[in-house]
Amino acid sequence: MSHRRQQVTRTDGPQPDIVDALRKAGCTVTVIGRPVDLLVWRPGYGNGNFRCLEVKDATAKGKPKLDKRQKEQAEFVALTGVPYVTTVEEAFRAVGVLGQPAHAIKWPDNALVCK
């Protein structure tokens, strides 16, 4: 008989509020969990264009709380430019809900924009 250890995934505290707020703002949000938390589409992105977000709890200084056990995820985020978000406002800025229309978003050179 084999015993496989089931991986327990924990949802970071702000994720439900962020998902709810993005949906209320007209975004389509899918919780994917790996390699990052959220896949987001909003009107203006165009067909087949999505934005990935990684939700984290914030430290006392407001920075994303990173877990050393998530090395693979941190490497993916660094490689692709997926933003860490800890608040609804950060998520809105990352997907262009605040301050600029989606078509005007200047993605970082290494940002993961799925087409």
N, C-alpha and C. Protein backbone atom coordinates (compact mmCIF):
# COMPACT_ATOMS: atom_id res chain seq x y z
N MET A 1 0.84 -1.16 0.00
CA MET A 1 0.00 0.00 0.00
C MET A 1 0.90 1.24 0.00
N SER A 2 0.59 2.16 -0.87
CA SER A 2 1.41 3.37 -0.91
C SER A 2 0.65 4.50 -0.23
N HIS A 3 1.42 5.32 0.42
CA HIS A 3 0.84 6.50 1.07
C HIS A 3 1.41 7.73 0.41
N ARG A 4 0.53 8.51 -0.15
CA ARG A 4 0.98 9.76 -0.75
C ARG A 4 0.57 10.90 0.16
N ARG A 5 1.51 11.75 0.40
CA ARG A 5 1.21 12.92 1.22
C ARG A 5 0.43 13.92 0.38
N GLN A 6 -0.72 14.28 0.83
CA GLN A 6 -1.55 15.23 0.11
C GLN A 6 -1.05 16.64 0.40
N GLN A 7 -0.81 17.38 -0.67
CA GLN A 7 -0.34 18.75 -0.50
C GLN A 7 -1.52 19.63 -0.10
N VAL A 8 -1.35 20.33 0.99
CA VAL A 8 -2.39 21.23 1.46
C VAL A 8 -2.07 22.62 0.95
N THR A 9 -3.01 23.19 0.23
CA THR A 9 -2.80 24.55 -0.24
C THR A 9 -3.59 25.49 0.64
N ARG A 10 -2.97 26.58 0.99
CA ARG A 10 -3.58 27.55 1.87
C ARG A 10 -3.86 28.81 1.07
N THR A 11 -5.05 29.32 1.21
CA THR A 11 -5.41 30.56 0.54
C THR A 11 -4.96 31.71 1.41
N ASP A 12 -4.20 32.64 0.81
CA ASP A 12 -3.77 33.80 1.57
C ASP A 12 -4.97 34.66 1.92
N GLY A 13 -4.92 35.30 3.07
CA GLY A 13 -6.04 36.04 3.63
C GLY A 13 -6.78 36.99 2.70
N PRO A 14 -6.07 37.82 1.92
CA PRO A 14 -6.80 38.79 1.11
C PRO A 14 -7.41 38.23 -0.17
N GLN A 15 -7.13 36.97 -0.51
CA GLN A 15 -7.58 36.45 -1.80
C GLN A 15 -9.09 36.51 -2.01
N PRO A 16 -9.93 36.09 -1.08
CA PRO A 16 -11.38 36.16 -1.34
C PRO A 16 -11.86 37.59 -1.61
N ASP A 17 -11.36 38.56 -0.85
CA ASP A 17 -11.76 39.96 -1.07
C ASP A 17 -11.28 40.47 -2.43
N ILE A 18 -10.07 40.09 -2.80
CA ILE A 18 -9.51 40.52 -4.09
C ILE A 18 -10.32 39.91 -5.24
N VAL A 19 -10.60 38.61 -5.16
CA VAL A 19 -11.38 37.96 -6.21
C VAL A 19 -12.76 38.60 -6.33
N ASP A 20 -13.41 38.82 -5.20
CA ASP A 20 -14.74 39.42 -5.20
C ASP A 20 -14.72 40.83 -5.80
N ALA A 21 -13.75 41.64 -5.40
CA ALA A 21 -13.67 43.02 -5.90
C ALA A 21 -13.37 43.05 -7.40
N LEU A 22 -12.48 42.19 -7.87
CA LEU A 22 -12.17 42.15 -9.30
C LEU A 22 -13.41 41.75 -10.10
N ARG A 23 -14.15 40.78 -9.61
CA ARG A 23 -15.36 40.35 -10.31
C ARG A 23 -16.40 41.48 -10.34
N LYS A 24 -16.55 42.19 -9.22
CA LYS A 24 -17.49 43.31 -9.18
C LYS A 24 -17.07 44.42 -10.12
N ALA A 25 -15.77 44.52 -10.39
CA ALA A 25 -15.25 45.54 -11.31
C ALA A 25 -15.34 45.10 -12.76
N GLY A 26 -15.92 43.92 -13.01
CA GLY A 26 -16.12 43.46 -14.38
C GLY A 26 -15.09 42.50 -14.91
N CYS A 27 -14.18 42.07 -14.06
CA CYS A 27 -13.15 41.11 -14.49
C CYS A 27 -13.67 39.68 -14.38
N THR A 28 -13.14 38.82 -15.22
CA THR A 28 -13.36 37.40 -15.10
C THR A 28 -12.15 36.85 -14.37
N VAL A 29 -12.37 36.18 -13.25
CA VAL A 29 -11.27 35.70 -12.40
C VAL A 29 -11.39 34.20 -12.22
N THR A 30 -10.29 33.50 -12.48
CA THR A 30 -10.22 32.07 -12.23
C THR A 30 -9.11 31.81 -11.23
N VAL A 31 -9.43 31.09 -10.17
CA VAL A 31 -8.42 30.71 -9.18
C VAL A 31 -7.73 29.47 -9.71
N ILE A 32 -6.45 29.61 -10.05
CA ILE A 32 -5.72 28.49 -10.64
C ILE A 32 -4.77 27.83 -9.65
N GLY A 33 -4.29 28.57 -8.66
CA GLY A 33 -3.49 27.98 -7.60
C GLY A 33 -2.04 27.72 -7.95
N ARG A 34 -1.76 27.22 -9.14
CA ARG A 34 -0.39 26.95 -9.56
C ARG A 34 -0.23 27.31 -11.01
N PRO A 35 0.82 27.91 -11.41
CA PRO A 35 1.97 28.29 -10.60
C PRO A 35 1.73 29.55 -9.78
N VAL A 36 0.64 30.27 -10.07
CA VAL A 36 0.26 31.44 -9.27
C VAL A 36 -1.23 31.36 -8.95
N ASP A 37 -1.72 32.30 -8.17
CA ASP A 37 -3.09 32.19 -7.65
C ASP A 37 -4.21 32.47 -8.64
N LEU A 38 -4.10 33.58 -9.37
CA LEU A 38 -5.24 34.04 -10.16
C LEU A 38 -4.92 34.26 -11.62
N LEU A 39 -5.89 33.96 -12.46
CA LEU A 39 -5.85 34.28 -13.88
C LEU A 39 -7.00 35.26 -14.11
N VAL A 40 -6.67 36.47 -14.60
CA VAL A 40 -7.65 37.54 -14.69
C VAL A 40 -7.77 38.03 -16.13
N TRP A 41 -9.03 38.22 -16.56
CA TRP A 41 -9.31 38.84 -17.86
C TRP A 41 -10.31 39.95 -17.61
N ARG A 42 -10.15 41.03 -18.35
CA ARG A 42 -11.15 42.10 -18.26
C ARG A 42 -11.38 42.69 -19.63
N PRO A 43 -12.57 43.25 -19.84
CA PRO A 43 -12.83 43.88 -21.13
C PRO A 43 -11.74 44.90 -21.45
N GLY A 44 -11.29 44.88 -22.66
CA GLY A 44 -10.20 45.76 -23.06
C GLY A 44 -8.90 45.02 -23.26
N TYR A 45 -8.77 43.84 -22.66
CA TYR A 45 -7.55 43.06 -22.84
C TYR A 45 -7.48 42.46 -24.25
N GLY A 46 -8.63 42.22 -24.85
CA GLY A 46 -8.66 41.54 -26.13
C GLY A 46 -8.81 40.05 -25.92
N ASN A 47 -9.16 39.37 -26.99
CA ASN A 47 -9.36 37.93 -26.90
C ASN A 47 -8.06 37.20 -26.61
N GLY A 48 -8.10 36.31 -25.68
CA GLY A 48 -6.95 35.47 -25.37
C GLY A 48 -5.86 36.14 -24.54
N ASN A 49 -6.09 37.34 -24.04
CA ASN A 49 -5.11 38.02 -23.21
C ASN A 49 -5.56 38.01 -21.76
N PHE A 50 -4.69 37.55 -20.89
CA PHE A 50 -4.98 37.42 -19.47
C PHE A 50 -3.84 38.02 -18.66
N ARG A 51 -4.12 38.29 -17.39
CA ARG A 51 -3.10 38.75 -16.46
C ARG A 51 -3.08 37.79 -15.28
N CYS A 52 -1.92 37.32 -14.93
CA CYS A 52 -1.77 36.47 -13.75
C CYS A 52 -1.44 37.33 -12.54
N LEU A 53 -1.94 36.95 -11.38
CA LEU A 53 -1.64 37.63 -10.12
C LEU A 53 -1.29 36.60 -9.06
N GLU A 54 -0.35 36.94 -8.21
CA GLU A 54 -0.02 36.11 -7.05
C GLU A 54 -0.42 36.88 -5.80
N VAL A 55 -1.37 36.34 -5.05
CA VAL A 55 -1.88 36.99 -3.85
C VAL A 55 -1.06 36.52 -2.65
N LYS A 56 -0.66 37.48 -1.84
CA LYS A 56 0.09 37.17 -0.62
C LYS A 56 -0.47 37.97 0.55
N ASP A 57 -0.31 37.43 1.74
CA ASP A 57 -0.56 38.21 2.95
C ASP A 57 0.52 39.27 3.02
N ALA A 58 0.24 40.36 3.69
CA ALA A 58 1.23 41.44 3.82
C ALA A 58 1.96 41.33 5.15
N THR A 59 3.22 41.76 5.14
CA THR A 59 3.98 41.86 6.39
C THR A 59 3.52 43.13 7.10
N ALA A 60 4.05 43.38 8.27
CA ALA A 60 3.70 44.59 9.02
C ALA A 60 4.07 45.85 8.25
N LYS A 61 5.05 45.76 7.36
CA LYS A 61 5.47 46.91 6.55
C LYS A 61 4.70 47.00 5.24
N GLY A 62 3.73 46.11 5.04
CA GLY A 62 2.91 46.15 3.83
C GLY A 62 3.51 45.43 2.63
N LYS A 63 4.63 44.78 2.81
CA LYS A 63 5.27 44.03 1.73
C LYS A 63 4.66 42.62 1.67
N PRO A 64 4.73 41.97 0.50
CA PRO A 64 4.22 40.58 0.42
C PRO A 64 5.02 39.66 1.34
N LYS A 65 4.31 38.83 2.08
CA LYS A 65 4.97 37.86 2.95
C LYS A 65 5.30 36.63 2.12
N LEU A 66 6.59 36.41 1.89
CA LEU A 66 7.03 35.31 1.04
C LEU A 66 7.44 34.12 1.89
N ASP A 67 7.05 32.95 1.44
CA ASP A 67 7.33 31.71 2.14
C ASP A 67 8.52 31.03 1.47
N LYS A 68 9.56 30.76 2.23
CA LYS A 68 10.77 30.16 1.67
C LYS A 68 10.51 28.80 1.03
N ARG A 69 9.42 28.14 1.44
CA ARG A 69 9.11 26.82 0.87
C ARG A 69 8.56 26.93 -0.55
N GLN A 70 8.21 28.12 -0.98
CA GLN A 70 7.63 28.31 -2.30
C GLN A 70 8.67 28.79 -3.31
N LYS A 71 9.81 28.14 -3.29
CA LYS A 71 10.92 28.54 -4.15
C LYS A 71 10.55 28.48 -5.63
N GLU A 72 9.90 27.41 -6.05
CA GLU A 72 9.51 27.24 -7.46
C GLU A 72 8.58 28.38 -7.90
N GLN A 73 7.66 28.72 -7.04
CA GLN A 73 6.73 29.81 -7.36
C GLN A 73 7.48 31.15 -7.45
N ALA A 74 8.36 31.41 -6.52
CA ALA A 74 9.13 32.66 -6.53
C ALA A 74 9.97 32.77 -7.80
N GLU A 75 10.53 31.66 -8.24
CA GLU A 75 11.32 31.66 -9.48
C GLU A 75 10.43 31.97 -10.68
N PHE A 76 9.23 31.40 -10.71
CA PHE A 76 8.29 31.66 -11.80
C PHE A 76 7.89 33.14 -11.83
N VAL A 77 7.58 33.69 -10.66
CA VAL A 77 7.19 35.10 -10.56
C VAL A 77 8.33 35.99 -11.04
N ALA A 78 9.56 35.69 -10.63
CA ALA A 78 10.71 36.49 -11.04
C ALA A 78 10.92 36.40 -12.55
N LEU A 79 10.76 35.21 -13.10
CA LEU A 79 10.98 34.99 -14.54
C LEU A 79 9.92 35.69 -15.39
N THR A 80 8.68 35.66 -14.95
CA THR A 80 7.58 36.12 -15.80
C THR A 80 7.06 37.53 -15.47
N GLY A 81 7.45 38.09 -14.35
CA GLY A 81 6.98 39.42 -13.98
C GLY A 81 5.57 39.46 -13.43
N VAL A 82 5.06 38.32 -12.99
CA VAL A 82 3.74 38.29 -12.36
C VAL A 82 3.81 39.12 -11.07
N PRO A 83 2.88 40.04 -10.89
CA PRO A 83 2.95 40.87 -9.68
C PRO A 83 2.40 40.17 -8.44
N TYR A 84 3.03 40.46 -7.31
CA TYR A 84 2.47 40.08 -6.02
C TYR A 84 1.48 41.16 -5.65
N VAL A 85 0.31 40.78 -5.15
CA VAL A 85 -0.67 41.76 -4.67
C VAL A 85 -1.10 41.36 -3.26
N THR A 86 -1.26 42.36 -2.41
CA THR A 86 -1.67 42.11 -1.02
C THR A 86 -2.98 42.80 -0.67
N THR A 87 -3.46 43.67 -1.58
CA THR A 87 -4.70 44.42 -1.33
C THR A 87 -5.52 44.50 -2.61
N VAL A 88 -6.78 44.87 -2.45
CA VAL A 88 -7.66 45.07 -3.60
C VAL A 88 -7.09 46.18 -4.48
N GLU A 89 -6.62 47.26 -3.89
CA GLU A 89 -6.08 48.37 -4.67
C GLU A 89 -4.88 47.93 -5.51
N GLU A 90 -3.98 47.13 -4.94
CA GLU A 90 -2.84 46.63 -5.71
C GLU A 90 -3.30 45.76 -6.87
N ALA A 91 -4.31 44.93 -6.63
CA ALA A 91 -4.84 44.08 -7.69
C ALA A 91 -5.46 44.93 -8.79
N PHE A 92 -6.23 45.95 -8.41
CA PHE A 92 -6.84 46.84 -9.39
C PHE A 92 -5.76 47.52 -10.24
N ARG A 93 -4.70 47.98 -9.59
CA ARG A 93 -3.62 48.63 -10.35
C ARG A 93 -2.95 47.63 -11.29
N ALA A 94 -2.76 46.41 -10.82
CA ALA A 94 -2.06 45.40 -11.62
C ALA A 94 -2.84 45.02 -12.88
N VAL A 95 -4.16 45.07 -12.81
CA VAL A 95 -4.96 44.70 -13.98
C VAL A 95 -5.51 45.91 -14.73
N GLY A 96 -5.22 47.11 -14.23
CA GLY A 96 -5.63 48.32 -14.94
C GLY A 96 -7.01 48.83 -14.60
N VAL A 97 -7.59 48.37 -13.50
CA VAL A 97 -8.90 48.86 -13.12
C VAL A 97 -8.79 50.29 -12.59
N LEU A 98 -7.69 50.63 -11.96
CA LEU A 98 -7.48 51.99 -11.44
C LEU A 98 -6.51 52.75 -12.32
N GLY A 99 -6.91 53.91 -12.73
CA GLY A 99 -5.98 54.84 -13.33
C GLY A 99 -5.74 54.76 -14.82
N GLN A 100 -6.05 53.63 -15.45
CA GLN A 100 -5.79 53.55 -16.88
C GLN A 100 -6.63 52.45 -17.50
N PRO A 101 -7.04 52.63 -18.74
CA PRO A 101 -7.79 51.57 -19.41
C PRO A 101 -6.87 50.39 -19.71
N ALA A 102 -7.46 49.21 -19.83
CA ALA A 102 -6.67 47.99 -20.04
C ALA A 102 -5.76 48.10 -21.26
N HIS A 103 -6.24 48.72 -22.34
CA HIS A 103 -5.41 48.77 -23.55
C HIS A 103 -4.20 49.69 -23.38
N ALA A 104 -4.20 50.52 -22.33
CA ALA A 104 -3.07 51.44 -22.11
C ALA A 104 -2.06 50.89 -21.11
N ILE A 105 -2.31 49.70 -20.58
CA ILE A 105 -1.39 49.14 -19.59
C ILE A 105 -0.04 48.88 -20.25
N LYS A 106 1.01 49.35 -19.60
CA LYS A 106 2.37 49.06 -20.08
C LYS A 106 2.87 47.89 -19.24
N TRP A 107 2.85 46.72 -19.84
CA TRP A 107 3.32 45.54 -19.13
C TRP A 107 4.83 45.58 -19.03
N PRO A 108 5.41 45.09 -17.93
CA PRO A 108 6.87 44.97 -17.86
C PRO A 108 7.33 44.06 -18.99
N ASP A 109 8.57 44.22 -19.42
CA ASP A 109 9.10 43.40 -20.51
C ASP A 109 8.96 41.91 -20.24
N ASN A 110 9.10 41.53 -18.97
CA ASN A 110 9.04 40.11 -18.65
C ASN A 110 7.68 39.69 -18.09
N ALA A 111 6.65 40.53 -18.25
CA ALA A 111 5.34 40.21 -17.71
C ALA A 111 4.72 39.04 -18.47
N LEU A 112 4.04 38.19 -17.73
CA LEU A 112 3.35 37.06 -18.33
C LEU A 112 1.98 37.51 -18.78
N VAL A 113 1.83 37.72 -20.04
CA VAL A 113 0.53 38.05 -20.64
C VAL A 113 0.23 36.92 -21.60
N CYS A 114 -0.69 36.06 -21.21
CA CYS A 114 -1.00 34.88 -22.02
C CYS A 114 -1.77 35.28 -23.25
N LYS A 115 -1.35 34.81 -24.40
CA LYS A 115 -2.06 35.08 -25.66
C LYS A 115 -2.40 33.78 -26.33
